Amino acid sequence: MEAFLKELPELAKEKLAESKKYFLKLKKRTPKNLDLVMQELHDNEFKKTDCLTCGNCCKTTSPIFTEKDIQRISKHLKMKVVNFISQYLDRDVDDFYVLKTAPCSFLDLEDNTCFIYDVRPKACSEYPHTNRRKFSQISDLTLKNTEICPAVYNIIEALKIKLPV
């Protein structure tokens, strides 16, 4: 996994132009079964991918924290919301709450487990979003995630074969 993670950003960049072109065509003529195909590809990939062997998303990026996330996690940590925000979060350029640091403050680097897994942000629980409904609407996010998540990279490469456009 480590070797693939080192190569992943470069592999994703090499495929970026091809993938952008693919997604543009896909948006113009979105197959009715796209979400079903994506669900199938997602499920197949995650039968053979164990996120705990990777953890690259938690090591390199921050999820967006919603107000509900902040309240739920603060309560779980027995912290006041204002203290949780000041200790862990910043506002990004789009004015979203994100983590101050990477890797994630809640990631155990020994085994890639999450200290707040049961109350983690919605963005974390839905990551990498490849099984999301209306998948065609998140192509930019998906392209970015091909640089971070080996599973996303594999899913998109499989999609190009399964649904040529």
N, C-alpha and C. Protein backbone atom coordinates (compact mmCIF):
# COMPACT_ATOMS: atom_id res chain seq x y z
N MET A 1 0.82 -1.20 0.00
CA MET A 1 0.00 0.00 0.00
C MET A 1 0.87 1.26 0.00
N GLU A 2 1.93 1.25 0.81
CA GLU A 2 2.80 2.44 0.91
C GLU A 2 3.37 2.84 -0.45
N ALA A 3 3.80 1.86 -1.22
CA ALA A 3 4.38 2.15 -2.54
C ALA A 3 3.33 2.78 -3.46
N PHE A 4 2.13 2.22 -3.43
CA PHE A 4 1.05 2.75 -4.27
C PHE A 4 0.67 4.17 -3.83
N LEU A 5 0.66 4.42 -2.53
CA LEU A 5 0.34 5.76 -2.02
C LEU A 5 1.37 6.79 -2.48
N LYS A 6 2.62 6.39 -2.55
CA LYS A 6 3.67 7.31 -3.02
C LYS A 6 3.48 7.64 -4.50
N GLU A 7 3.05 6.65 -5.27
CA GLU A 7 2.85 6.83 -6.72
C GLU A 7 1.53 7.50 -7.06
N LEU A 8 0.56 7.41 -6.16
CA LEU A 8 -0.81 7.82 -6.46
C LEU A 8 -0.95 9.25 -6.98
N PRO A 9 -0.37 10.26 -6.33
CA PRO A 9 -0.55 11.62 -6.86
C PRO A 9 -0.07 11.76 -8.30
N GLU A 10 1.05 11.13 -8.60
CA GLU A 10 1.59 11.20 -9.96
C GLU A 10 0.70 10.44 -10.94
N LEU A 11 0.26 9.25 -10.55
CA LEU A 11 -0.65 8.47 -11.41
C LEU A 11 -1.93 9.26 -11.70
N ALA A 12 -2.48 9.87 -10.67
CA ALA A 12 -3.71 10.64 -10.83
C ALA A 12 -3.48 11.84 -11.75
N LYS A 13 -2.34 12.50 -11.60
CA LYS A 13 -2.03 13.65 -12.47
C LYS A 13 -1.87 13.21 -13.92
N GLU A 14 -1.25 12.04 -14.13
CA GLU A 14 -1.08 11.52 -15.49
C GLU A 14 -2.44 11.24 -16.14
N LYS A 15 -3.41 10.84 -15.36
CA LYS A 15 -4.75 10.50 -15.87
C LYS A 15 -5.71 11.69 -15.84
N LEU A 16 -5.28 12.82 -15.27
CA LEU A 16 -6.19 13.94 -15.03
C LEU A 16 -6.87 14.45 -16.29
N ALA A 17 -6.13 14.71 -17.34
CA ALA A 17 -6.73 15.22 -18.58
C ALA A 17 -7.73 14.22 -19.15
N GLU A 18 -7.34 12.96 -19.16
CA GLU A 18 -8.23 11.90 -19.65
C GLU A 18 -9.50 11.82 -18.79
N SER A 19 -9.32 11.89 -17.49
CA SER A 19 -10.46 11.78 -16.58
C SER A 19 -11.38 12.99 -16.70
N LYS A 20 -10.82 14.19 -16.82
CA LYS A 20 -11.64 15.40 -17.00
C LYS A 20 -12.49 15.29 -18.25
N LYS A 21 -11.86 14.86 -19.33
CA LYS A 21 -12.56 14.68 -20.61
C LYS A 21 -13.68 13.65 -20.45
N TYR A 22 -13.37 12.56 -19.77
CA TYR A 22 -14.35 11.50 -19.53
C TYR A 22 -15.55 12.05 -18.77
N PHE A 23 -15.30 12.80 -17.68
CA PHE A 23 -16.40 13.33 -16.87
C PHE A 23 -17.22 14.37 -17.63
N LEU A 24 -16.58 15.16 -18.48
CA LEU A 24 -17.34 16.12 -19.31
C LEU A 24 -18.33 15.39 -20.22
N LYS A 25 -17.84 14.34 -20.87
CA LYS A 25 -18.72 13.53 -21.74
C LYS A 25 -19.81 12.85 -20.92
N LEU A 26 -19.43 12.37 -19.75
CA LEU A 26 -20.39 11.69 -18.87
C LEU A 26 -21.50 12.65 -18.43
N LYS A 27 -21.15 13.90 -18.16
CA LYS A 27 -22.15 14.90 -17.76
C LYS A 27 -23.11 15.23 -18.90
N LYS A 28 -22.56 15.27 -20.12
CA LYS A 28 -23.39 15.59 -21.29
C LYS A 28 -24.41 14.50 -21.57
N ARG A 29 -23.98 13.28 -21.36
CA ARG A 29 -24.86 12.12 -21.60
C ARG A 29 -24.78 11.18 -20.40
N THR A 30 -25.39 11.58 -19.31
CA THR A 30 -25.33 10.77 -18.09
C THR A 30 -26.20 9.53 -18.27
N PRO A 31 -25.57 8.35 -18.20
CA PRO A 31 -26.36 7.12 -18.30
C PRO A 31 -27.35 7.03 -17.13
N LYS A 32 -28.54 6.52 -17.42
CA LYS A 32 -29.56 6.39 -16.36
C LYS A 32 -29.09 5.49 -15.22
N ASN A 33 -28.22 4.55 -15.53
CA ASN A 33 -27.77 3.59 -14.52
C ASN A 33 -26.44 3.98 -13.87
N LEU A 34 -26.00 5.22 -14.03
CA LEU A 34 -24.69 5.62 -13.49
C LEU A 34 -24.58 5.37 -11.98
N ASP A 35 -25.58 5.78 -11.23
CA ASP A 35 -25.51 5.61 -9.78
C ASP A 35 -25.45 4.13 -9.39
N LEU A 36 -26.18 3.29 -10.11
CA LEU A 36 -26.13 1.84 -9.84
C LEU A 36 -24.76 1.27 -10.16
N VAL A 37 -24.20 1.69 -11.29
CA VAL A 37 -22.87 1.23 -11.67
C VAL A 37 -21.84 1.69 -10.64
N MET A 38 -21.95 2.93 -10.21
CA MET A 38 -21.02 3.45 -9.21
C MET A 38 -21.14 2.68 -7.89
N GLN A 39 -22.36 2.38 -7.49
CA GLN A 39 -22.56 1.61 -6.25
C GLN A 39 -21.89 0.24 -6.37
N GLU A 40 -22.05 -0.39 -7.52
CA GLU A 40 -21.44 -1.71 -7.75
C GLU A 40 -19.91 -1.62 -7.73
N LEU A 41 -19.36 -0.63 -8.42
CA LEU A 41 -17.91 -0.46 -8.45
C LEU A 41 -17.37 -0.13 -7.05
N HIS A 42 -18.08 0.71 -6.34
CA HIS A 42 -17.71 1.08 -4.97
C HIS A 42 -17.70 -0.17 -4.08
N ASP A 43 -18.78 -0.92 -4.12
CA ASP A 43 -18.88 -2.13 -3.29
C ASP A 43 -17.78 -3.13 -3.62
N ASN A 44 -17.53 -3.34 -4.92
CA ASN A 44 -16.49 -4.28 -5.33
C ASN A 44 -15.11 -3.83 -4.86
N GLU A 45 -14.83 -2.54 -4.98
CA GLU A 45 -13.52 -2.02 -4.55
C GLU A 45 -13.33 -2.16 -3.05
N PHE A 46 -14.39 -1.86 -2.29
CA PHE A 46 -14.24 -1.90 -0.84
C PHE A 46 -14.35 -3.31 -0.25
N LYS A 47 -14.63 -4.32 -1.09
CA LYS A 47 -14.49 -5.70 -0.65
C LYS A 47 -13.02 -6.07 -0.55
N LYS A 48 -12.18 -5.38 -1.33
CA LYS A 48 -10.75 -5.70 -1.34
C LYS A 48 -9.87 -4.58 -0.77
N THR A 49 -10.47 -3.48 -0.39
CA THR A 49 -9.72 -2.33 0.16
C THR A 49 -10.07 -2.14 1.62
N ASP A 50 -9.06 -2.13 2.46
CA ASP A 50 -9.23 -1.88 3.88
C ASP A 50 -8.66 -0.50 4.19
N CYS A 51 -9.51 0.43 4.51
CA CYS A 51 -9.08 1.81 4.76
C CYS A 51 -8.06 1.91 5.89
N LEU A 52 -8.08 0.98 6.82
CA LEU A 52 -7.14 1.02 7.94
C LEU A 52 -5.70 0.73 7.50
N THR A 53 -5.52 0.15 6.33
CA THR A 53 -4.17 -0.08 5.82
C THR A 53 -3.63 1.17 5.13
N CYS A 54 -4.48 2.16 4.95
CA CYS A 54 -4.11 3.37 4.21
C CYS A 54 -4.20 4.61 5.10
N GLY A 55 -5.41 5.10 5.31
CA GLY A 55 -5.62 6.29 6.13
C GLY A 55 -5.13 7.58 5.48
N ASN A 56 -4.85 7.55 4.19
CA ASN A 56 -4.29 8.72 3.53
C ASN A 56 -5.21 9.93 3.58
N CYS A 57 -6.51 9.71 3.52
CA CYS A 57 -7.46 10.83 3.60
C CYS A 57 -7.30 11.56 4.93
N CYS A 58 -7.17 10.81 6.01
CA CYS A 58 -7.03 11.40 7.34
C CYS A 58 -5.65 12.01 7.57
N LYS A 59 -4.67 11.54 6.83
CA LYS A 59 -3.31 12.03 6.99
C LYS A 59 -3.04 13.29 6.18
N THR A 60 -3.81 13.52 5.12
CA THR A 60 -3.46 14.58 4.18
C THR A 60 -4.51 15.67 3.99
N THR A 61 -5.76 15.40 4.31
CA THR A 61 -6.82 16.37 4.04
C THR A 61 -7.72 16.53 5.26
N SER A 62 -8.56 17.54 5.21
CA SER A 62 -9.53 17.75 6.29
C SER A 62 -10.93 17.65 5.73
N PRO A 63 -11.82 17.04 6.50
CA PRO A 63 -13.22 17.10 6.10
C PRO A 63 -13.78 18.48 6.43
N ILE A 64 -14.92 18.76 5.88
CA ILE A 64 -15.66 19.96 6.29
C ILE A 64 -16.48 19.55 7.50
N PHE A 65 -16.46 20.39 8.53
CA PHE A 65 -17.24 20.15 9.75
C PHE A 65 -18.49 21.02 9.70
N THR A 66 -19.65 20.39 9.73
CA THR A 66 -20.91 21.13 9.79
C THR A 66 -21.18 21.54 11.24
N GLU A 67 -22.16 22.41 11.42
CA GLU A 67 -22.54 22.81 12.79
C GLU A 67 -22.98 21.58 13.59
N LYS A 68 -23.74 20.69 12.94
CA LYS A 68 -24.19 19.47 13.62
C LYS A 68 -23.00 18.60 14.02
N ASP A 69 -22.03 18.48 13.12
CA ASP A 69 -20.82 17.71 13.43
C ASP A 69 -20.13 18.28 14.66
N ILE A 70 -19.97 19.59 14.65
CA ILE A 70 -19.26 20.27 15.74
C ILE A 70 -19.98 20.06 17.07
N GLN A 71 -21.29 20.18 17.07
CA GLN A 71 -22.06 19.98 18.30
C GLN A 71 -21.95 18.54 18.79
N ARG A 72 -22.09 17.58 17.87
CA ARG A 72 -22.05 16.17 18.23
C ARG A 72 -20.67 15.77 18.77
N ILE A 73 -19.62 16.20 18.09
CA ILE A 73 -18.26 15.84 18.50
C ILE A 73 -17.89 16.53 19.81
N SER A 74 -18.26 17.80 19.94
CA SER A 74 -17.99 18.54 21.18
C SER A 74 -18.63 17.85 22.37
N LYS A 75 -19.88 17.45 22.20
CA LYS A 75 -20.60 16.75 23.28
C LYS A 75 -19.88 15.44 23.63
N HIS A 76 -19.49 14.71 22.60
CA HIS A 76 -18.80 13.44 22.80
C HIS A 76 -17.48 13.65 23.57
N LEU A 77 -16.79 14.72 23.26
CA LEU A 77 -15.51 15.02 23.92
C LEU A 77 -15.68 15.78 25.23
N LYS A 78 -16.95 16.04 25.58
CA LYS A 78 -17.28 16.79 26.79
C LYS A 78 -16.57 18.15 26.80
N MET A 79 -16.70 18.82 25.66
CA MET A 79 -16.10 20.14 25.49
C MET A 79 -17.19 21.14 25.11
N LYS A 80 -16.97 22.38 25.43
CA LYS A 80 -17.84 23.43 24.94
C LYS A 80 -17.54 23.62 23.45
N VAL A 81 -18.57 23.92 22.69
CA VAL A 81 -18.42 24.10 21.25
C VAL A 81 -17.33 25.13 20.94
N VAL A 82 -17.38 26.24 21.62
CA VAL A 82 -16.40 27.30 21.36
C VAL A 82 -14.97 26.82 21.62
N ASN A 83 -14.78 26.00 22.63
CA ASN A 83 -13.45 25.45 22.93
C ASN A 83 -13.01 24.43 21.88
N PHE A 84 -13.96 23.61 21.44
CA PHE A 84 -13.66 22.64 20.40
C PHE A 84 -13.20 23.36 19.12
N ILE A 85 -13.96 24.38 18.74
CA ILE A 85 -13.62 25.14 17.54
C ILE A 85 -12.24 25.79 17.68
N SER A 86 -12.00 26.44 18.79
CA SER A 86 -10.71 27.14 18.95
C SER A 86 -9.53 26.17 19.01
N GLN A 87 -9.75 24.98 19.56
CA GLN A 87 -8.65 24.02 19.68
C GLN A 87 -8.37 23.28 18.37
N TYR A 88 -9.42 22.92 17.63
CA TYR A 88 -9.24 22.02 16.50
C TYR A 88 -9.51 22.61 15.11
N LEU A 89 -10.31 23.66 15.01
CA LEU A 89 -10.80 24.07 13.70
C LEU A 89 -10.36 25.47 13.27
N ASP A 90 -10.34 25.66 11.97
CA ASP A 90 -10.13 26.95 11.32
C ASP A 90 -11.18 27.09 10.24
N ARG A 91 -11.31 28.29 9.71
CA ARG A 91 -12.17 28.52 8.53
C ARG A 91 -11.29 28.48 7.30
N ASP A 92 -11.75 27.78 6.25
CA ASP A 92 -10.97 27.74 5.01
C ASP A 92 -11.36 28.92 4.12
N VAL A 93 -10.83 28.95 2.91
CA VAL A 93 -11.08 30.07 1.99
C VAL A 93 -12.55 30.17 1.59
N ASP A 94 -13.28 29.07 1.68
CA ASP A 94 -14.71 29.06 1.37
C ASP A 94 -15.57 29.27 2.61
N ASP A 95 -14.92 29.58 3.72
CA ASP A 95 -15.57 29.85 5.01
C ASP A 95 -16.19 28.60 5.64
N PHE A 96 -15.65 27.43 5.31
CA PHE A 96 -16.07 26.19 5.96
C PHE A 96 -15.13 25.90 7.13
N TYR A 97 -15.66 25.23 8.14
CA TYR A 97 -14.81 24.76 9.23
C TYR A 97 -14.04 23.53 8.77
N VAL A 98 -12.72 23.58 8.96
CA VAL A 98 -11.84 22.46 8.65
C VAL A 98 -10.82 22.33 9.78
N LEU A 99 -10.12 21.22 9.79
CA LEU A 99 -9.10 20.99 10.82
C LEU A 99 -7.94 21.96 10.67
N LYS A 100 -7.36 22.33 11.80
CA LYS A 100 -6.18 23.19 11.79
C LYS A 100 -4.95 22.44 11.31
N THR A 101 -4.93 21.14 11.56
CA THR A 101 -3.72 20.36 11.29
C THR A 101 -4.00 19.12 10.46
N ALA A 102 -2.95 18.66 9.81
CA ALA A 102 -2.96 17.36 9.14
C ALA A 102 -1.67 16.69 9.58
N PRO A 103 -1.71 15.42 9.92
CA PRO A 103 -2.86 14.53 9.92
C PRO A 103 -3.94 14.96 10.92
N CYS A 104 -5.09 14.37 10.76
CA CYS A 104 -6.24 14.66 11.61
C CYS A 104 -5.87 14.46 13.08
N SER A 105 -6.31 15.38 13.90
CA SER A 105 -6.06 15.33 15.34
C SER A 105 -6.64 14.07 15.99
N PHE A 106 -7.62 13.47 15.36
CA PHE A 106 -8.31 12.33 15.95
C PHE A 106 -7.85 10.99 15.37
N LEU A 107 -6.82 11.02 14.54
CA LEU A 107 -6.29 9.82 13.91
C LEU A 107 -5.20 9.21 14.78
N ASP A 108 -5.31 7.91 15.04
CA ASP A 108 -4.24 7.18 15.72
C ASP A 108 -3.29 6.69 14.63
N LEU A 109 -2.11 7.27 14.57
CA LEU A 109 -1.16 6.95 13.51
C LEU A 109 -0.58 5.54 13.61
N GLU A 110 -0.75 4.92 14.75
CA GLU A 110 -0.26 3.53 14.93
C GLU A 110 -1.06 2.55 14.07
N ASP A 111 -2.39 2.72 14.06
CA ASP A 111 -3.23 1.74 13.36
C ASP A 111 -4.30 2.38 12.46
N ASN A 112 -4.19 3.68 12.25
CA ASN A 112 -5.12 4.43 11.39
C ASN A 112 -6.57 4.39 11.87
N THR A 113 -6.78 4.18 13.15
CA THR A 113 -8.14 4.23 13.67
C THR A 113 -8.46 5.66 14.09
N CYS A 114 -9.74 5.91 14.28
CA CYS A 114 -10.23 7.25 14.61
C CYS A 114 -10.75 7.26 16.04
N PHE A 115 -10.28 8.24 16.82
CA PHE A 115 -10.72 8.34 18.21
C PHE A 115 -12.19 8.72 18.33
N ILE A 116 -12.73 9.36 17.30
CA ILE A 116 -14.13 9.82 17.35
C ILE A 116 -14.97 9.13 16.27
N TYR A 117 -14.59 7.93 15.89
CA TYR A 117 -15.21 7.23 14.76
C TYR A 117 -16.74 7.22 14.84
N ASP A 118 -17.29 6.92 16.00
CA ASP A 118 -18.75 6.81 16.14
C ASP A 118 -19.47 8.14 15.99
N VAL A 119 -18.76 9.25 16.14
CA VAL A 119 -19.37 10.58 16.03
C VAL A 119 -18.64 11.44 14.98
N ARG A 120 -17.87 10.81 14.12
CA ARG A 120 -17.05 11.53 13.14
C ARG A 120 -17.92 12.43 12.24
N PRO A 121 -17.28 13.41 11.60
CA PRO A 121 -18.03 14.30 10.70
C PRO A 121 -18.73 13.53 9.58
N LYS A 122 -19.83 14.07 9.14
CA LYS A 122 -20.58 13.46 8.04
C LYS A 122 -19.70 13.27 6.81
N ALA A 123 -18.85 14.25 6.53
CA ALA A 123 -17.96 14.16 5.38
C ALA A 123 -17.03 12.94 5.48
N CYS A 124 -16.63 12.59 6.69
CA CYS A 124 -15.78 11.41 6.89
C CYS A 124 -16.58 10.13 6.68
N SER A 125 -17.79 10.09 7.23
CA SER A 125 -18.58 8.87 7.13
C SER A 125 -19.02 8.60 5.68
N GLU A 126 -19.10 9.63 4.87
CA GLU A 126 -19.51 9.46 3.47
C GLU A 126 -18.33 9.32 2.52
N TYR A 127 -17.12 9.58 3.00
CA TYR A 127 -15.94 9.52 2.15
C TYR A 127 -15.72 8.10 1.65
N PRO A 128 -15.36 7.91 0.40
CA PRO A 128 -14.91 8.86 -0.60
C PRO A 128 -16.00 9.33 -1.57
N HIS A 129 -17.24 9.16 -1.21
CA HIS A 129 -18.39 9.69 -1.96
C HIS A 129 -18.63 8.99 -3.30
N THR A 130 -17.99 7.87 -3.53
CA THR A 130 -18.17 7.17 -4.81
C THR A 130 -19.45 6.36 -4.87
N ASN A 131 -20.14 6.24 -3.78
CA ASN A 131 -21.43 5.53 -3.79
C ASN A 131 -22.59 6.50 -3.58
N ARG A 132 -22.33 7.76 -3.79
CA ARG A 132 -23.32 8.80 -3.57
C ARG A 132 -24.32 8.87 -4.73
N ARG A 133 -25.56 9.16 -4.42
CA ARG A 133 -26.56 9.37 -5.46
C ARG A 133 -26.22 10.65 -6.21
N LYS A 134 -26.64 10.71 -7.45
CA LYS A 134 -26.34 11.85 -8.33
C LYS A 134 -24.84 12.06 -8.43
N PHE A 135 -24.15 10.97 -8.63
CA PHE A 135 -22.69 10.97 -8.68
C PHE A 135 -22.14 11.95 -9.71
N SER A 136 -22.83 12.13 -10.80
CA SER A 136 -22.33 13.00 -11.87
C SER A 136 -22.14 14.44 -11.41
N GLN A 137 -22.74 14.82 -10.30
CA GLN A 137 -22.64 16.19 -9.80
C GLN A 137 -21.35 16.46 -9.03
N ILE A 138 -20.60 15.43 -8.72
CA ILE A 138 -19.40 15.64 -7.89
C ILE A 138 -18.11 15.25 -8.62
N SER A 139 -18.05 15.48 -9.90
CA SER A 139 -16.87 15.08 -10.66
C SER A 139 -15.60 15.80 -10.21
N ASP A 140 -15.68 17.09 -9.89
CA ASP A 140 -14.49 17.82 -9.45
C ASP A 140 -13.93 17.24 -8.15
N LEU A 141 -14.82 16.97 -7.21
CA LEU A 141 -14.42 16.36 -5.94
C LEU A 141 -13.81 14.98 -6.18
N THR A 142 -14.43 14.22 -7.05
CA THR A 142 -13.95 12.87 -7.35
C THR A 142 -12.55 12.92 -7.97
N LEU A 143 -12.34 13.85 -8.89
CA LEU A 143 -11.01 13.98 -9.51
C LEU A 143 -9.95 14.31 -8.46
N LYS A 144 -10.29 15.20 -7.54
CA LYS A 144 -9.36 15.54 -6.45
C LYS A 144 -9.08 14.29 -5.59
N ASN A 145 -10.12 13.53 -5.32
CA ASN A 145 -9.98 12.35 -4.47
C ASN A 145 -9.17 11.23 -5.11
N THR A 146 -9.04 11.23 -6.46
CA THR A 146 -8.19 10.21 -7.10
C THR A 146 -6.73 10.38 -6.71
N GLU A 147 -6.35 11.60 -6.27
CA GLU A 147 -4.98 11.86 -5.84
C GLU A 147 -4.74 11.43 -4.39
N ILE A 148 -5.82 11.23 -3.65
CA ILE A 148 -5.74 10.97 -2.22
C ILE A 148 -6.06 9.52 -1.87
N CYS A 149 -7.09 9.00 -2.50
CA CYS A 149 -7.63 7.69 -2.14
C CYS A 149 -7.38 6.65 -3.24
N PRO A 150 -6.60 5.63 -2.94
CA PRO A 150 -6.36 4.58 -3.93
C PRO A 150 -7.64 3.92 -4.43
N ALA A 151 -8.62 3.78 -3.56
CA ALA A 151 -9.89 3.17 -3.96
C ALA A 151 -10.59 4.02 -5.01
N VAL A 152 -10.60 5.33 -4.83
CA VAL A 152 -11.25 6.22 -5.81
C VAL A 152 -10.54 6.11 -7.15
N TYR A 153 -9.23 6.13 -7.12
CA TYR A 153 -8.47 5.98 -8.36
C TYR A 153 -8.89 4.70 -9.08
N ASN A 154 -8.93 3.59 -8.35
CA ASN A 154 -9.30 2.30 -8.95
C ASN A 154 -10.74 2.30 -9.45
N ILE A 155 -11.65 2.90 -8.69
CA ILE A 155 -13.06 2.94 -9.08
C ILE A 155 -13.23 3.73 -10.37
N ILE A 156 -12.58 4.86 -10.49
CA ILE A 156 -12.73 5.69 -11.68
C ILE A 156 -12.12 5.01 -12.90
N GLU A 157 -10.99 4.36 -12.71
CA GLU A 157 -10.40 3.62 -13.84
C GLU A 157 -11.33 2.47 -14.26
N ALA A 158 -11.96 1.82 -13.31
CA ALA A 158 -12.92 0.75 -13.61
C ALA A 158 -14.18 1.31 -14.29
N LEU A 159 -14.59 2.49 -13.87
CA LEU A 159 -15.78 3.15 -14.48
C LEU A 159 -15.53 3.43 -15.95
N LYS A 160 -14.34 3.90 -16.29
CA LYS A 160 -14.02 4.21 -17.69
C LYS A 160 -14.13 2.97 -18.57
N ILE A 161 -13.80 1.83 -18.00
CA ILE A 161 -13.90 0.56 -18.75
C ILE A 161 -15.36 0.10 -18.81
N LYS A 162 -16.05 0.18 -17.70
CA LYS A 162 -17.43 -0.32 -17.59
C LYS A 162 -18.41 0.53 -18.41
N LEU A 163 -18.23 1.85 -18.38
CA LEU A 163 -19.12 2.77 -19.11
C LEU A 163 -18.31 3.68 -20.04
N PRO A 164 -17.84 3.13 -21.15
CA PRO A 164 -17.09 3.99 -22.06
C PRO A 164 -18.02 5.06 -22.65
N VAL A 165 -17.50 6.28 -22.79
CA VAL A 165 -18.33 7.36 -23.34
C VAL A 165 -17.78 7.86 -24.66
